[in-house]
Amino acid sequence: MTVAESLFIESTDVSREAKEVFKRVFRSDCSQPGFAVLVLTAEVDSHELRCLMTALKERLSELHAAQWGEPLEYLSLGRFDQQNSTKLHLDGAPERSFLMLGYEPTKVRSEFQIADFSRCASDMGLSPAEFMRQHNPMFNAGAELLRGHVSTITNWHEDCPRIVIINNSIAEPGTHGATYGVLHGALIPVPDPQASRIINSTMIAPACFAGTDPAMQVREFVSTDQISGQILG
């Protein structure tokens, strides 16, 4: 996927793009990419970006409930200043989970990478979970198997706020609500200790995995100016 194939949002109403995001991310086969990138061409500040993220989550939750009978709830919310390169990986979460990242404008250049390990597994006659057990991409041999299934995004409008939604799932194909996940990673060629690369991170999952949405934590996530630490991704 290239930046030209990203979704370019020219207003602050990201919920109107939810159906397209849902189609790309919550995929029941490998014909869709398993992730979506929203580049916000409108001028929005950090708090507005986080409001847009929560609005998009609510619309995706409605679509998920309509298809599988379960709304989506938050597992975690946080803000991080992250300039470490990371290998392709899944974030630790339930077998059905989805990562939504809000990138604030930055001078720090990066390469965002997605690997369709689910498609690679299918090509090899394996389930996604079997592939990860047998061919861990954190090691060179596993990473080599994924070479033809990696999308790298460079020069991806880092002067603009962006929302990235990633299918982080590894559920057994054919089970209720199972969708096909992807791996993600980032390369920071030249970290800049004088600059920030702030990522607003949320992990969401069907309500059966998450329990009750933490309304107070959501309000704090939207309103805070604090930076918590670092994440992978």
Protein backbone atom coordinates (compact mmCIF):
# COMPACT_ATOMS: atom_id res chain seq x y z
CA MET A 1 0.00 0.00 0.00
CA THR A 2 1.27 3.48 -0.83
CA VAL A 3 0.29 6.82 0.65
CA ALA A 4 -1.74 7.47 -2.50
CA GLU A 5 -3.98 4.57 -1.47
CA SER A 6 -4.53 6.00 2.01
CA LEU A 7 -7.80 7.66 2.90
CA PHE A 8 -7.43 11.42 2.81
CA ILE A 9 -9.87 13.16 5.14
CA GLU A 10 -10.58 16.79 4.29
CA SER A 11 -12.99 17.42 7.14
CA THR A 12 -13.13 16.54 10.80
CA ASP A 13 -15.96 14.03 10.29
CA VAL A 14 -13.98 10.79 10.23
CA SER A 15 -17.10 8.80 11.11
CA ARG A 16 -18.28 9.13 7.51
CA GLU A 17 -15.22 7.09 6.47
CA ALA A 18 -15.97 4.33 8.98
CA LYS A 19 -17.54 1.95 6.46
CA GLU A 20 -14.46 2.07 4.24
CA VAL A 21 -12.17 1.64 7.24
CA PHE A 22 -14.28 -1.26 8.48
CA LYS A 23 -14.09 -2.97 5.09
CA ARG A 24 -10.31 -2.66 4.97
CA VAL A 25 -9.54 -3.58 8.58
CA PHE A 26 -12.26 -5.99 9.76
CA ARG A 27 -11.68 -8.35 6.86
CA SER A 28 -13.09 -11.86 6.56
CA ASP A 29 -10.58 -12.82 3.87
CA CYS A 30 -7.25 -11.51 2.59
CA SER A 31 -8.63 -9.46 -0.31
CA GLN A 32 -8.45 -6.34 1.89
CA PRO A 33 -5.21 -4.98 3.44
CA GLY A 34 -6.06 -5.45 7.14
CA PHE A 35 -5.25 -1.85 8.00
CA ALA A 36 -6.18 1.71 7.02
CA VAL A 37 -4.40 5.06 7.19
CA LEU A 38 -6.41 8.26 7.53
CA VAL A 39 -4.40 11.39 6.73
CA LEU A 40 -6.19 14.39 8.19
CA THR A 41 -5.67 17.29 5.84
CA ALA A 42 -7.74 19.57 8.07
CA GLU A 43 -5.92 21.46 10.81
CA VAL A 44 -6.68 19.60 14.03
CA ASP A 45 -4.78 19.82 17.30
CA SER A 46 -3.86 16.95 19.62
CA HIS A 47 -7.11 17.02 21.61
CA GLU A 48 -9.20 17.17 18.44
CA LEU A 49 -7.24 14.24 17.02
CA ARG A 50 -8.10 12.15 20.06
CA CYS A 51 -11.76 13.19 19.84
CA LEU A 52 -11.77 12.02 16.22
CA MET A 53 -10.25 8.71 17.28
CA THR A 54 -12.97 8.10 19.86
CA ALA A 55 -15.68 9.12 17.38
CA LEU A 56 -14.31 6.68 14.81
CA LYS A 57 -14.14 3.92 17.42
CA GLU A 58 -17.82 4.43 18.26
CA ARG A 59 -18.84 4.16 14.61
CA LEU A 60 -16.68 1.06 14.10
CA SER A 61 -18.27 -0.41 17.21
CA GLU A 62 -21.73 0.07 15.69
CA LEU A 63 -20.64 -1.65 12.48
CA HIS A 64 -19.03 -4.50 14.41
CA ALA A 65 -22.17 -4.99 16.50
CA ALA A 66 -24.32 -5.02 13.38
CA GLN A 67 -22.18 -7.75 11.81
CA TRP A 68 -21.23 -9.92 14.79
CA GLY A 69 -23.59 -8.89 17.57
CA GLU A 70 -20.85 -7.42 19.77
CA PRO A 71 -19.81 -3.80 20.30
CA LEU A 72 -16.16 -2.85 20.61
CA GLU A 73 -14.71 -1.70 23.92
CA TYR A 74 -11.37 -0.22 24.95
CA LEU A 75 -8.65 -2.42 26.39
CA SER A 76 -6.13 0.40 26.82
CA LEU A 77 -5.55 4.07 26.06
CA GLY A 78 -2.31 6.02 26.28
CA ARG A 79 -0.01 8.69 24.85
CA PHE A 80 3.64 8.03 24.08
CA ASP A 81 6.69 9.74 22.61
CA GLN A 82 8.27 6.92 20.61
CA GLN A 83 11.39 7.00 18.44
CA ASN A 84 12.56 3.39 18.72
CA SER A 85 12.53 1.19 15.63
CA THR A 86 10.48 -1.98 16.13
CA LYS A 87 10.40 -5.28 14.28
CA LEU A 88 7.19 -6.63 12.80
CA HIS A 89 4.98 -7.86 15.62
CA LEU A 90 1.50 -8.26 17.10
CA ASP A 91 0.72 -6.23 20.21
CA GLY A 92 -0.15 -8.29 23.27
CA ALA A 93 -3.95 -8.47 23.32
CA PRO A 94 -6.84 -10.95 23.00
CA GLU A 95 -7.05 -13.08 19.85
CA ARG A 96 -9.60 -10.64 18.41
CA SER A 97 -8.25 -7.11 18.83
CA PHE A 98 -7.67 -3.93 16.87
CA LEU A 99 -5.13 -1.15 17.33
CA MET A 100 -5.96 2.49 16.64
CA LEU A 101 -3.03 4.90 16.65
CA GLY A 102 -3.24 8.68 16.36
CA TYR A 103 0.02 10.15 15.11
CA GLU A 104 0.61 13.83 15.80
CA PRO A 105 2.57 15.97 13.31
CA THR A 106 6.32 15.49 13.71
CA LYS A 107 9.67 16.34 12.15
CA VAL A 108 10.91 12.81 12.88
CA ARG A 109 10.78 10.74 9.70
CA SER A 110 9.77 7.08 9.83
CA GLU A 111 8.83 4.09 7.74
CA PHE A 112 5.61 2.39 8.76
CA GLN A 113 5.51 -1.32 7.92
CA ILE A 114 2.66 -3.81 7.70
CA ALA A 115 3.14 -7.55 7.05
CA ASP A 116 0.18 -9.67 5.99
CA PHE A 117 1.15 -12.77 7.96
CA SER A 118 -2.39 -14.11 7.61
CA ARG A 119 -2.09 -14.21 3.82
CA CYS A 120 1.39 -15.72 4.10
CA ALA A 121 0.07 -18.37 6.47
CA SER A 122 -2.81 -19.20 4.11
CA ASP A 123 -0.38 -19.57 1.20
CA MET A 124 1.56 -22.08 3.32
CA GLY A 125 -1.54 -24.02 4.39
CA LEU A 126 -1.28 -22.79 7.99
CA SER A 127 -3.55 -20.87 10.31
CA PRO A 128 -2.25 -17.45 11.41
CA ALA A 129 -1.57 -18.82 14.92
CA GLU A 130 0.34 -21.79 13.50
CA PHE A 131 2.45 -19.49 11.38
CA MET A 132 3.39 -17.36 14.38
CA ARG A 133 4.29 -20.44 16.43
CA GLN A 134 6.38 -22.03 13.70
CA HIS A 135 7.85 -18.97 11.98
CA ASN A 136 8.19 -16.16 14.49
CA PRO A 137 9.01 -13.04 12.42
CA MET A 138 11.10 -11.63 15.26
CA PHE A 139 13.74 -14.06 13.95
CA ASN A 140 15.35 -13.75 10.52
CA ALA A 141 13.93 -16.97 9.06
CA GLY A 142 10.36 -15.96 9.82
CA ALA A 143 10.92 -12.41 8.61
CA GLU A 144 12.30 -13.76 5.33
CA LEU A 145 9.10 -15.74 4.71
CA LEU A 146 7.13 -12.50 5.00
CA ARG A 147 9.29 -10.53 2.57
CA GLY A 148 6.73 -10.65 -0.24
CA HIS A 149 3.88 -9.71 2.09
CA VAL A 150 5.27 -6.46 3.54
CA SER A 151 3.87 -3.00 2.74
CA THR A 152 6.14 -0.07 3.60
CA ILE A 153 4.81 3.48 3.84
CA THR A 154 7.37 6.28 3.58
CA ASN A 155 6.89 10.04 3.45
CA TRP A 156 3.42 9.49 4.81
CA HIS A 157 2.42 13.10 5.46
CA GLU A 158 4.18 13.32 8.80
CA ASP A 159 3.50 17.04 8.87
CA CYS A 160 -0.21 16.13 9.27
CA PRO A 161 -2.11 14.27 11.98
CA ARG A 162 -2.92 10.68 10.96
CA ILE A 163 -5.05 7.85 12.32
CA VAL A 164 -3.91 4.28 11.67
CA ILE A 165 -6.23 1.33 12.34
CA ILE A 166 -4.64 -2.14 12.40
CA ASN A 167 -6.20 -5.59 12.66
CA ASN A 168 -4.20 -7.13 15.51
CA SER A 169 -6.15 -10.40 15.55
CA ILE A 170 -4.95 -14.00 15.48
CA ALA A 171 -8.23 -15.87 15.99
CA GLU A 172 -8.74 -19.25 14.37
CA PRO A 173 -10.30 -18.76 10.92
CA GLY A 174 -13.95 -19.77 10.84
CA THR A 175 -14.66 -19.08 14.51
CA HIS A 176 -17.24 -16.47 15.49
CA GLY A 177 -16.08 -12.97 14.67
CA ALA A 178 -12.69 -14.09 13.38
CA THR A 179 -10.95 -11.65 11.07
CA TYR A 180 -7.49 -11.75 9.52
CA GLY A 181 -4.76 -9.80 11.31
CA VAL A 182 -1.51 -8.21 10.18
CA LEU A 183 1.81 -7.44 11.84
CA HIS A 184 3.11 -3.91 12.21
CA GLY A 185 6.46 -2.30 12.83
CA ALA A 186 8.32 0.97 12.42
CA LEU A 187 11.75 2.06 11.28
CA ILE A 188 13.11 5.38 12.56
CA PRO A 189 16.23 5.98 10.40
CA VAL A 190 17.42 9.08 12.31
CA PRO A 191 15.96 9.64 15.81
CA ASP A 192 15.93 13.26 16.93
CA PRO A 193 16.27 13.75 20.69
CA GLN A 194 15.28 17.40 20.26
CA ALA A 195 11.95 16.52 18.64
CA SER A 196 8.84 14.57 19.61
CA ARG A 197 7.00 11.78 17.82
CA ILE A 198 3.80 11.51 19.81
CA ILE A 199 1.49 8.55 19.32
CA ASN A 200 -1.96 8.37 20.87
CA SER A 201 -2.60 4.66 21.26
CA THR A 202 -5.80 2.72 21.87
CA MET A 203 -6.43 -1.02 21.76
CA ILE A 204 -10.01 -2.16 21.23
CA ALA A 205 -11.69 -5.56 21.23
CA PRO A 206 -15.16 -7.13 21.21
CA ALA A 207 -16.97 -6.62 24.51
CA CYS A 208 -16.61 -10.30 25.45
CA PHE A 209 -12.86 -9.68 25.86
CA ALA A 210 -12.94 -6.19 27.31
CA GLY A 211 -15.75 -5.89 29.83
CA THR A 212 -17.08 -2.39 30.46
CA ASP A 213 -15.66 0.63 28.66
CA PRO A 214 -13.68 2.86 31.07
CA ALA A 215 -15.60 6.11 30.52
CA MET A 216 -13.44 8.10 32.93
CA GLN A 217 -10.23 6.87 31.28
CA VAL A 218 -11.61 7.80 27.86
CA ARG A 219 -12.31 11.34 29.04
CA GLU A 220 -8.83 11.54 30.52
CA PHE A 221 -7.29 10.23 27.29
CA VAL A 222 -9.02 12.96 25.27
CA SER A 223 -8.26 15.82 27.67
CA THR A 224 -4.79 15.09 29.06
CA ASP A 225 -1.57 16.80 28.02
CA GLN A 226 0.60 14.18 29.73
CA ILE A 227 2.88 11.74 27.90
CA SER A 228 3.03 8.31 29.54
CA GLY A 229 6.06 6.58 28.04
CA GLN A 230 6.82 4.36 25.08
CA ILE A 231 5.09 1.62 23.12
CA LEU A 232 6.03 -0.85 20.44
CA GLY A 233 4.76 0.18 17.04
